[in-house]
Protein backbone atom coordinates (compact mmCIF):
# COMPACT_ATOMS: atom_id res chain seq x y z
CA MET A 1 72.55 20.41 91.50
CA SER A 2 73.28 18.81 95.02
CA GLY A 3 71.49 15.63 94.41
CA ALA A 4 73.44 15.02 91.02
CA SER A 5 76.49 16.02 91.57
CA GLY A 6 77.71 12.85 93.45
CA ALA A 7 76.41 10.36 91.23
CA GLY A 8 77.49 11.67 87.50
CA TRP A 9 75.43 12.51 85.27
CA GLY A 10 73.26 9.23 84.70
CA ASN A 11 69.30 9.13 85.03
CA PRO A 12 67.62 11.64 87.14
CA LEU A 13 64.67 8.88 87.97
CA ASN A 14 67.50 7.21 90.24
CA TYR A 15 67.33 10.03 92.84
CA ILE A 16 63.70 8.83 93.58
CA PRO A 17 63.54 6.56 96.38
CA GLY A 18 62.99 2.78 95.92
CA TRP A 19 62.05 3.34 92.41
CA GLN A 20 64.58 1.03 91.03
CA SER A 21 63.31 -1.83 93.41
CA ARG A 22 59.93 -1.76 92.43
CA GLN A 23 60.89 -2.84 88.68
CA SER A 24 58.48 -0.51 87.07
CA GLU A 25 57.98 2.93 85.30
CA PRO A 26 57.74 5.61 87.86
CA THR A 27 54.32 7.91 88.29
CA ASP A 28 53.12 11.41 88.94
CA SER A 29 53.65 10.98 92.41
CA ASP A 30 57.19 9.72 91.56
CA PHE A 31 58.05 12.86 89.86
CA ALA A 32 56.62 15.03 91.98
CA GLN A 33 58.49 13.89 94.85
CA LEU A 34 61.53 14.42 92.82
CA VAL A 35 61.13 18.04 92.75
CA ASP A 36 59.62 18.45 95.97
CA SER A 37 63.01 16.53 97.26
CA ASP A 38 65.72 18.56 95.72
CA PRO A 39 63.57 21.53 93.83
CA GLY A 40 66.99 23.39 92.89
CA SER A 41 68.49 20.12 90.97
CA PHE A 42 67.72 20.71 88.12
CA VAL A 43 66.58 23.94 85.42
CA SER A 44 64.52 23.85 82.10
CA ILE A 45 66.57 22.79 78.99
CA SER A 46 65.89 24.03 75.65
CA ARG A 47 63.18 21.99 73.19
CA ASP A 48 65.76 21.50 70.64
CA GLU A 49 68.54 20.89 73.15
CA TYR A 50 65.53 18.07 74.30
CA SER A 51 65.35 16.93 70.95
CA LEU A 52 68.71 16.28 70.48
CA LEU A 53 69.52 14.31 73.40
CA LEU A 54 67.05 12.12 72.21
CA LEU A 55 68.18 12.00 68.61
CA GLN A 56 71.69 10.89 70.28
CA ASN A 57 69.91 8.54 72.40
CA GLY A 58 68.67 6.92 68.99
CA LYS A 59 71.98 6.88 67.79
CA LEU A 60 73.60 4.82 70.59
CA VAL A 61 70.69 2.24 70.52
CA ASP A 62 70.99 1.97 66.31
CA ASP A 63 74.70 1.36 67.20
CA LYS A 64 74.08 -1.13 69.74
CA ASN A 65 72.33 -3.10 67.18
CA ASP A 66 74.79 -2.45 64.31
CA ILE A 67 77.32 -4.06 66.81
CA LEU A 68 74.85 -6.95 66.91
CA ALA A 69 74.66 -7.01 63.60
CA ARG A 70 78.23 -7.25 62.96
CA ILE A 71 78.63 -10.23 65.67
CA VAL A 72 76.31 -12.33 63.51
CA GLY A 73 78.58 -11.57 60.18
CA ILE A 74 81.28 -12.55 61.97
CA GLU A 75 79.81 -15.96 63.37
CA SER A 76 78.82 -16.43 59.34
CA ASP A 77 82.24 -16.10 58.45
CA MET A 78 83.32 -18.55 60.73
CA ARG A 79 80.68 -21.22 59.09
CA LEU A 80 82.03 -20.40 55.59
CA GLN A 81 85.76 -21.08 56.59
CA GLN A 82 84.75 -24.17 58.36
CA GLU A 83 82.81 -25.34 54.74
CA THR A 84 86.07 -24.18 52.99
CA MET A 85 88.06 -26.60 54.81
CA GLN A 86 85.21 -29.57 54.28
CA SER A 87 85.65 -28.75 50.35
CA VAL A 88 89.69 -28.94 50.65
CA THR A 89 88.86 -32.63 52.64
CA VAL A 90 86.92 -34.01 49.62
CA THR A 91 89.86 -32.38 47.10
CA ASN A 92 92.09 -34.20 49.27
CA ILE A 93 90.23 -37.51 49.25
CA ALA A 94 89.73 -37.11 45.56
CA LEU A 95 93.56 -37.26 44.99
CA GLU A 96 94.22 -40.01 47.05
CA LYS A 97 91.45 -41.65 44.82
CA LYS A 98 93.75 -40.93 41.96
CA VAL A 99 97.00 -41.81 43.15
CA SER A 100 95.64 -45.28 44.09
CA GLU A 101 93.96 -45.52 40.23
CA LEU A 102 97.29 -45.07 39.24
CA LYS A 103 99.07 -47.53 41.54
CA GLU A 104 96.55 -50.10 40.26
CA THR A 105 97.34 -49.01 36.19
CA GLU A 106 100.99 -49.45 37.15
CA HIS A 107 100.73 -53.00 38.40
CA GLY A 108 98.41 -54.13 35.32
CA ASN A 109 101.41 -52.54 33.14
CA GLU A 110 103.88 -54.59 35.06
CA THR A 111 101.83 -57.42 34.35
CA GLU A 112 101.41 -57.01 30.92
CA ILE A 113 105.26 -56.78 30.67
CA SER A 114 105.87 -59.98 32.24
CA LYS A 115 103.30 -62.00 29.75
CA ASN A 116 105.41 -60.49 26.94
CA LYS A 117 108.51 -61.37 28.21
CA VAL A 118 107.27 -64.99 28.62
CA GLY A 119 105.76 -65.13 25.06
CA ILE A 120 108.85 -64.27 23.37
CA GLN A 121 110.97 -66.53 25.21
CA ARG A 122 109.16 -69.38 24.15
CA LEU A 123 108.74 -67.93 20.74
CA ALA A 124 112.47 -68.06 20.95
CA LYS A 125 112.62 -71.52 22.21
CA GLU A 126 110.32 -72.58 19.13
CA ASN A 127 112.54 -70.78 16.67
CA LEU A 128 115.34 -72.64 18.13
CA GLU A 129 113.40 -75.96 17.60
CA PHE A 130 112.21 -75.08 13.89
CA ALA A 131 116.20 -74.23 13.19
CA ARG A 132 117.25 -78.05 14.29
CA GLN A 133 114.21 -79.37 12.18
CA ILE A 134 115.55 -77.72 8.96
CA GLU A 135 118.94 -78.71 9.81
CA ASN A 136 118.04 -82.31 9.72
CA LEU A 137 115.84 -82.02 6.80
CA MET A 138 118.73 -80.97 4.88
CA LYS A 139 120.71 -83.44 6.57
CA PHE A 140 118.25 -86.22 5.14
CA ASN A 141 118.21 -84.62 1.79
CA LYS A 142 121.93 -84.63 1.23
CA GLU A 143 121.81 -88.48 2.32
CA LEU A 144 119.03 -89.26 -0.29
CA GLU A 145 120.86 -87.53 -3.05
CA ALA A 146 123.89 -89.96 -2.24
CA GLU A 147 122.09 -92.91 -1.90
CA ILE A 148 120.21 -92.09 -5.69
CA VAL A 149 123.87 -91.56 -7.11
CA GLN A 150 124.65 -94.84 -5.49
CA LEU A 151 121.35 -96.29 -7.29
CA LYS A 152 122.03 -95.23 -10.53
CA ASN A 153 125.47 -96.81 -10.38
CA ASP A 154 123.45 -99.97 -9.01
CA ILE A 155 121.06 -99.91 -12.06
CA GLN A 156 124.35 -99.63 -14.47
CA GLU A 157 125.60 -102.90 -12.74
CA LYS A 158 122.67 -104.63 -11.84
CA ASP A 159 120.09 -104.32 -14.90
CA THR A 160 117.91 -107.08 -13.26
CA LYS A 161 117.05 -104.58 -10.29
CA ILE A 162 115.88 -101.79 -12.59
CA ALA A 163 112.48 -102.03 -12.38
CA ASP A 164 112.51 -102.19 -8.32
CA LEU A 165 115.20 -99.49 -8.03
CA GLU A 166 113.00 -96.99 -10.42
CA SER A 167 110.07 -97.79 -8.48
CA LYS A 168 112.08 -97.43 -5.12
CA VAL A 169 113.40 -93.70 -6.60
CA PHE A 170 109.89 -92.44 -7.58
CA THR A 171 108.63 -93.16 -4.25
CA LEU A 172 112.00 -91.33 -2.84
CA LYS A 173 111.23 -88.19 -5.11
CA SER A 174 107.77 -88.61 -4.16
CA ASP A 175 108.94 -88.00 -0.52
CA VAL A 176 111.69 -85.45 -1.02
CA LYS A 177 108.81 -83.19 -2.80
CA GLY A 178 106.21 -83.60 0.34
CA LEU A 179 109.25 -82.83 2.61
CA THR A 180 110.39 -80.00 0.21
CA LYS A 181 106.54 -78.61 0.71
CA ASN A 182 106.87 -79.01 4.28
CA LEU A 183 110.20 -77.12 4.37
CA ARG A 184 108.73 -74.31 2.49
CA ILE A 185 105.81 -73.79 4.97
CA THR A 186 108.13 -74.31 7.72
CA GLN A 187 110.18 -71.55 6.30
CA GLN A 188 106.98 -69.30 6.05
CA ALA A 189 105.94 -70.01 9.38
CA PHE A 190 109.05 -69.00 10.78
CA THR A 191 109.30 -66.08 8.71
CA GLU A 192 105.82 -65.17 10.21
CA GLU A 193 107.14 -65.84 13.79
CA GLN A 194 109.89 -63.43 13.22
CA ASN A 195 107.42 -60.66 12.25
CA ALA A 196 105.58 -61.51 15.16
CA HIS A 197 108.07 -61.10 17.13
CA ALA A 198 109.12 -58.00 16.13
CA ALA A 199 105.90 -56.40 16.00
CA THR A 200 105.68 -57.75 20.03
CA ARG A 201 108.91 -55.73 20.71
CA THR A 202 107.06 -52.62 19.22
CA THR A 203 104.28 -53.54 21.35
CA LEU A 204 106.65 -53.52 24.45
CA ARG A 205 108.67 -50.91 23.80
CA ARG A 206 104.98 -48.47 23.24
CA THR A 207 104.18 -50.15 26.48
CA GLU A 208 107.02 -49.16 28.42
CA GLN A 209 106.79 -45.42 26.70
CA ALA A 210 103.37 -45.59 27.95
CA PHE A 211 104.38 -46.30 31.85
CA THR A 212 107.41 -44.13 31.22
CA LYS A 213 104.72 -41.21 31.20
CA GLU A 214 101.96 -42.82 33.83
CA GLN A 215 104.81 -42.80 36.32
CA ASN A 216 105.45 -39.16 35.12
CA ALA A 217 101.50 -38.50 35.66
CA TYR A 218 102.02 -39.98 39.40
CA ALA A 219 104.76 -37.84 40.06
CA ALA A 220 102.86 -35.06 38.89
CA THR A 221 100.04 -36.04 41.01
CA ARG A 222 101.93 -36.45 44.16
CA THR A 223 103.54 -32.86 43.98
CA ALA A 224 99.91 -31.54 43.25
CA LEU A 225 98.59 -33.57 46.34
CA GLY A 226 101.10 -32.10 48.32
CA ARG A 227 100.74 -28.93 47.50
CA THR A 228 97.24 -29.21 48.19
CA GLU A 229 98.33 -30.60 51.57
CA GLN A 230 100.07 -27.73 52.28
CA ASP A 231 97.10 -25.52 51.07
CA LEU A 232 95.00 -27.03 53.61
CA LEU A 233 97.58 -26.61 56.48
CA ASN A 234 97.88 -22.70 55.44
CA ALA A 235 94.09 -22.61 55.78
CA GLU A 236 93.87 -24.44 58.96
CA GLN A 237 96.54 -21.82 60.33
CA GLU A 238 94.32 -19.07 58.81
CA LEU A 239 91.28 -20.24 60.23
CA ALA A 240 93.13 -20.14 63.59
CA THR A 241 94.20 -16.66 63.22
CA ALA A 242 90.61 -15.95 62.37
CA ASN A 243 88.87 -17.25 64.98
CA LYS A 244 91.47 -15.49 67.43
CA GLU A 245 90.77 -12.27 65.38
CA ASN A 246 86.76 -12.77 66.19
CA GLN A 247 87.19 -13.21 69.87
CA GLU A 248 89.24 -10.40 70.18
CA GLN A 249 86.09 -8.59 67.95
CA LYS A 250 83.64 -9.75 70.34
CA ASP A 251 85.26 -8.97 73.63
CA LYS A 252 86.05 -5.42 71.97
CA LEU A 253 81.89 -5.75 71.07
CA THR A 254 81.15 -6.79 74.49
CA ALA A 255 82.86 -3.52 75.97
CA ALA A 256 81.21 -1.60 73.67
CA ILE A 257 78.08 -3.21 74.41
CA ASN A 258 78.53 -2.45 77.91
CA LYS A 259 79.59 1.04 77.59
CA LEU A 260 76.14 1.94 75.57
CA GLN A 261 74.12 0.15 78.43
CA GLU A 262 75.74 2.97 81.07
CA VAL A 263 73.64 5.05 79.08
CA SER A 264 70.73 3.20 78.21
CA ASN A 265 68.54 4.69 80.92
CA ILE A 266 68.39 7.93 78.75
CA GLY A 267 65.42 6.38 76.23
CA PHE A 268 63.47 6.33 79.38
CA LEU A 269 63.39 10.43 78.30
CA LYS A 270 61.76 9.19 75.18
CA VAL A 271 58.83 7.53 76.35
CA HIS A 272 57.82 9.94 79.02
CA TRP A 273 58.19 13.23 77.30
CA ARG A 274 54.94 14.26 77.93
CA LYS A 275 55.28 13.94 82.29
CA LEU A 276 59.20 15.35 81.70
CA SER A 277 57.65 18.55 80.02
CA ARG A 278 56.21 19.30 83.38
CA MET A 279 59.20 18.77 85.53
CA PRO A 280 62.16 21.50 85.97
CA ARG A 281 64.42 21.37 83.22
CA ILE A 282 68.10 20.41 83.84
CA SER A 283 70.91 23.24 83.09
CA PRO A 284 72.56 23.68 80.11
CA GLU A 285 75.99 22.46 81.63
CA PHE A 286 74.35 19.39 82.25
CA ALA A 287 72.78 19.30 78.77
CA ALA A 288 76.66 20.28 77.28
CA THR A 289 78.10 17.23 79.50
CA ILE A 290 75.51 14.70 77.92
CA GLN A 291 76.17 16.02 74.57
CA GLN A 292 79.79 15.88 74.79
CA HIS A 293 79.66 12.57 76.08
CA HIS A 294 77.64 11.30 72.98
CA ILE A 295 80.21 13.02 71.26
CA ALA A 296 82.92 11.01 72.36
CA LEU A 297 80.92 7.86 72.11
CA GLY A 298 80.30 8.91 68.64
CA LYS A 299 83.83 9.57 67.46
CA LYS A 300 84.78 6.27 69.34
CA ALA A 301 82.10 4.02 67.31
CA GLU A 302 83.24 6.00 64.14
CA VAL A 303 87.13 4.84 64.80
CA TRP A 304 85.61 1.51 65.47
CA VAL A 305 83.37 1.12 62.03
CA LYS A 306 86.31 2.52 59.77
CA ARG A 307 88.78 0.44 61.65
CA ASN A 308 86.39 -2.49 60.71
CA ILE A 309 85.87 -1.01 56.94
CA ASP A 310 90.40 -1.90 56.66
CA MET A 311 89.75 -5.37 58.06
CA MET A 312 87.09 -6.22 55.40
CA GLU A 313 88.88 -4.47 52.64
CA GLU A 314 92.29 -6.70 53.42
CA GLU A 315 89.86 -9.75 54.16
CA ALA A 316 88.20 -9.34 50.93
CA LYS A 317 91.75 -8.93 48.55
CA LYS A 318 92.32 -12.20 50.31
CA LYS A 319 89.55 -13.71 49.35
CA THR A 320 90.22 -12.50 45.70
CA LYS A 321 93.59 -14.38 45.54
CA GLU A 322 92.39 -17.50 46.86
CA ILE A 323 89.75 -17.17 43.81
CA ILE A 324 92.08 -16.79 41.44
CA ASP A 325 94.89 -19.61 42.64
CA LEU A 326 91.94 -22.50 42.74
CA GLU A 327 91.17 -21.17 39.27
CA LYS A 328 95.03 -21.78 38.57
CA SER A 329 94.45 -24.90 40.34
CA LYS A 330 91.46 -25.86 38.54
CA ALA A 331 93.26 -25.34 34.36
CA LYS A 332 96.39 -27.05 35.82
CA SER A 333 94.46 -30.30 36.84
CA ILE A 334 92.04 -30.52 34.19
CA ALA A 335 95.24 -29.61 31.83
CA VAL A 336 97.06 -32.89 33.29
CA LEU A 337 94.25 -35.26 32.85
CA GLU A 338 93.29 -34.01 29.29
CA GLU A 339 97.13 -34.92 28.38
CA ARG A 340 96.91 -38.32 29.63
CA LYS A 341 93.37 -38.87 27.54
CA LYS A 342 95.09 -37.33 24.74
CA MET A 343 98.07 -40.35 25.32
CA LEU A 344 95.88 -42.88 25.70
CA GLU A 345 93.82 -42.35 22.58
CA SER A 346 97.20 -41.91 20.25
CA LYS A 347 99.13 -44.78 22.30
CA MET A 348 96.93 -47.43 22.96
CA PRO A 349 95.18 -50.12 20.47
CA ASP A 350 91.65 -49.51 20.01
CA GLY A 351 89.54 -51.89 21.79
CA ASP A 352 87.26 -52.60 24.75
CA GLU A 353 90.12 -51.24 27.23
CA LYS A 354 90.61 -48.33 25.51
CA ALA A 355 86.71 -47.31 25.45
CA LYS A 356 87.02 -48.46 29.25
CA GLN A 357 90.21 -46.22 30.49
CA LEU A 358 88.63 -42.95 28.22
CA LYS A 359 85.34 -43.25 29.91
CA LYS A 360 87.23 -43.39 33.25
CA ILE A 361 89.09 -40.36 32.66
CA THR A 362 86.38 -38.36 31.16
CA GLY A 363 84.50 -39.02 34.31
CA GLN A 364 87.10 -37.93 36.08
CA ILE A 365 87.65 -34.44 34.38
CA ARG A 366 84.18 -34.24 34.73
CA LYS A 367 84.22 -34.96 38.27
CA THR A 368 87.29 -32.73 39.17
CA ALA A 369 85.72 -29.71 37.11
CA LYS A 370 82.73 -29.91 38.96
CA LEU A 371 84.33 -29.93 42.28
CA PHE A 372 86.20 -26.93 41.30
CA ASP A 373 83.23 -25.11 40.24
CA GLU A 374 81.64 -25.61 43.24
CA THR A 375 84.45 -24.24 45.70
CA LEU A 376 84.57 -21.48 43.34
CA ARG A 377 81.15 -20.97 43.59
CA ARG A 378 80.87 -21.08 47.44
CA LYS A 379 84.16 -18.55 47.41
CA ALA A 380 82.37 -16.30 45.43
CA GLU A 381 79.37 -16.08 47.17
CA ASP A 382 81.46 -15.50 50.14
CA LEU A 383 83.23 -12.65 48.62
CA GLU A 384 79.86 -10.97 47.11
CA LYS A 385 78.66 -11.13 51.11
CA SER A 386 81.83 -9.44 52.31
CA LYS A 387 81.52 -6.90 49.85
CA GLN A 388 77.69 -6.02 50.89
CA GLU A 389 78.86 -6.27 54.40
CA PHE A 390 81.59 -3.45 53.22
CA GLY A 391 78.90 -1.43 51.87
CA VAL A 392 76.79 -1.27 55.04
CA TYR A 393 79.95 -0.41 57.24
CA LYS A 394 80.62 2.81 54.18
CA ASP A 395 77.34 3.89 54.75
CA LEU A 396 77.74 4.46 58.59
CA ILE A 397 80.38 6.71 58.12
CA PRO A 398 78.98 10.24 58.03
CA ARG A 399 79.19 12.43 55.44
CA ASN A 400 78.97 15.56 57.21
CA ASN A 401 81.98 15.38 59.63
CA ALA A 402 81.95 19.43 59.63
CA THR A 403 79.22 19.64 62.32
CA ARG A 404 80.42 16.63 64.62
CA ASN A 405 82.74 18.28 66.58
CA GLN A 406 81.35 21.92 66.92
CA PRO A 407 80.74 22.91 70.74
CA VAL A 408 77.69 23.16 72.24
CA VAL A 409 76.19 26.71 71.51
CA GLN A 410 73.49 27.96 73.98
CA GLN A 411 70.52 29.49 71.96
CA GLN A 412 68.94 32.64 72.66
CA ARG A 413 66.64 32.52 75.38
CA ARG A 414 62.82 33.65 74.73
CA GLN A 415 60.19 35.25 76.62
CA PRO A 416 57.66 33.07 77.75
CA SER A 417 54.66 33.80 75.19
CA ALA A 418 51.29 35.34 76.85
CA GLY A 419 48.46 32.80 76.83
CA LYS A 420 50.11 29.52 78.63
CA MET A 421 48.37 26.96 79.90
CA GLU A 422 48.30 26.97 83.82
CA GLY A 423 51.00 24.65 84.99
CA MET A 424 53.19 25.36 81.82
CA GLU A 425 54.62 28.66 83.04
CA VAL A 426 58.58 29.25 82.57
CA GLU A 427 60.89 31.39 84.55
CA ASP A 428 62.04 34.56 82.77
CA GLY A 429 65.24 33.63 80.62
CA VAL A 430 64.18 29.94 80.20
CA GLU A 431 63.16 28.27 76.88
CA ASP A 432 59.13 27.57 76.07
CA ALA A 433 59.24 23.94 77.70
CA ARG A 434 55.59 22.58 75.48
CA PRO A 435 55.89 19.07 74.44
CA ILE A 436 57.72 18.30 70.87
CA LYS A 437 56.12 15.66 68.66
CA SER A 438 59.32 13.78 67.48
CA ASN A 439 59.60 11.20 64.42
CA MET A 440 62.05 9.34 66.33
CA GLY A 441 62.08 5.68 65.14
CA THR A 442 61.12 6.34 61.34
CA ALA A 443 63.62 5.60 58.93
CA GLN A 444 63.88 9.33 57.99
CA SER A 445 64.89 10.25 61.25
CA LYS A 446 67.57 7.35 61.22
CA LYS A 447 69.34 8.55 58.00
CA LYS A 448 69.70 12.16 59.23
CA TRP A 449 70.69 11.69 62.80
CA TRP A 450 74.34 11.60 61.49
CA ASN A 451 74.30 14.59 60.79
CA ILE A 452 72.69 15.94 63.76
CA CYS A 453 75.25 14.85 66.09
C-alpha cells in the first residue's frame, strides 16, 4: 500500500488529486483515476467485512449524537439549579418578612404594657383619694356625734330651745343618712376598683407570658433563618462545583467529538457503496486495523457511559436527600406556626384583634406550605428527569460483551461464481464483491449494532 502507508488509514478518496479542494462528491472518473494511480494499493474485502465497516460507522454517528444529547442534559441541569437558587431566595425573603412582623408585634406588646402601667398608677392615685375622703367622713361623723351629745345636754338645760334643736337634729340626722349612703356607695366603688385592679394585673401577667412566647418564637425563626442562609450558601457552593464539573464534561465531550470527526469520512462509504463495489478491495490487514480502531473507540465510549452512570447515581442520591431535608424543614416551619396559632386561640381574648391575628397566621401557614410544595414539586420533577436519563444511559451499555473483544477472524474465501456480469469478476481466493443491501439507519439496525461490534 504505497499510497496509504504514509497517510495512515484515512479515507482512500483523499488520495484523489484535487478532490478535497473541489468541495464536491467524487465522480466515476475520480475512482478510475484512484485505481489507475496506484492499482496495487487496494485488494478486495469481503461483503461481511464491508457491512461491518458500515455498521461501525453508524455506531460512531450514534455515539456523537448521544454525546450531544448529554450536553443538552447538562445545560438543563444547570438551569434547574438556577431555579432552585431562586426558590431559596424567595424563602429567605419570606423569612425576613416574618421577622419584621414579629418585631412589629413586639413593639405593640410594649406599648400595651406601658398603657397598663399608666392605668395602674391612675387607679392607685384614685384609691388614695377615696381613702382620704372616707377618713374625713368618719372624722366628721365623730364630730357630729359629740355635737348631738352636747345638744342633748343643752336641751335639758334650755327647754325653750328644744323645738329648734330637734329640728336641727332632724336635719343633721338626714345629713348623716345621706353621708352614710354615700359612704356605702364609695366603699362599693372602691371594692370594684380593687377587683378591676386585680383583673388588670392578671391580664398584664398573661400579656407578659404571651410576649415571652413571642420572643421565643422570634428566636426560633431567627435560628431557622440562619439555617436557611447556610443552606443557600451550601447550594451556591454546590452550584459552583457543578458548573466546574459541567465544564470538565464539556471539555471531555469536545475531545471525544473531535476524535469522532477524525473518522467521520468513513460515512462516505455508506453513501457510495455502489461505486465502491466496482473498486479493488482493501486488504484484510487494512480492514482489521480499522476494526481494531473502532473497537478501541467503542471501549472508550463504554467507559465514558459507565462513568456518567456512576455520576448520575450519586447526583440522584443527593437530590433525594435534598427532598427529604426540605420536607423536614416544611414540617418544622408549619409546626412553629401552628403552635403560635394555638397560643393565640387559647391566651388572647376574643375580639376583632384576635380574629385578625388568627387570619394573618393562617395565611402565613398556607403561604409557607405552598412555597415548600412548589419547591418539592420542582425537585421531584428534576429527580424524575435524572432517573429517565439514567435509564437511557443504562440502555447504552452492551448486553453481549462477549463479542466485543474478539479478534478479527478471516472468513473462508470463496471461488467466484460462474455467470457473473462483466466488470464484477474477482481474483481467485477473493470474496464475492457484489453490492449488499443494508438496513443501516433503521431502528432495528441501531438496536443490534452493539452486539456486532
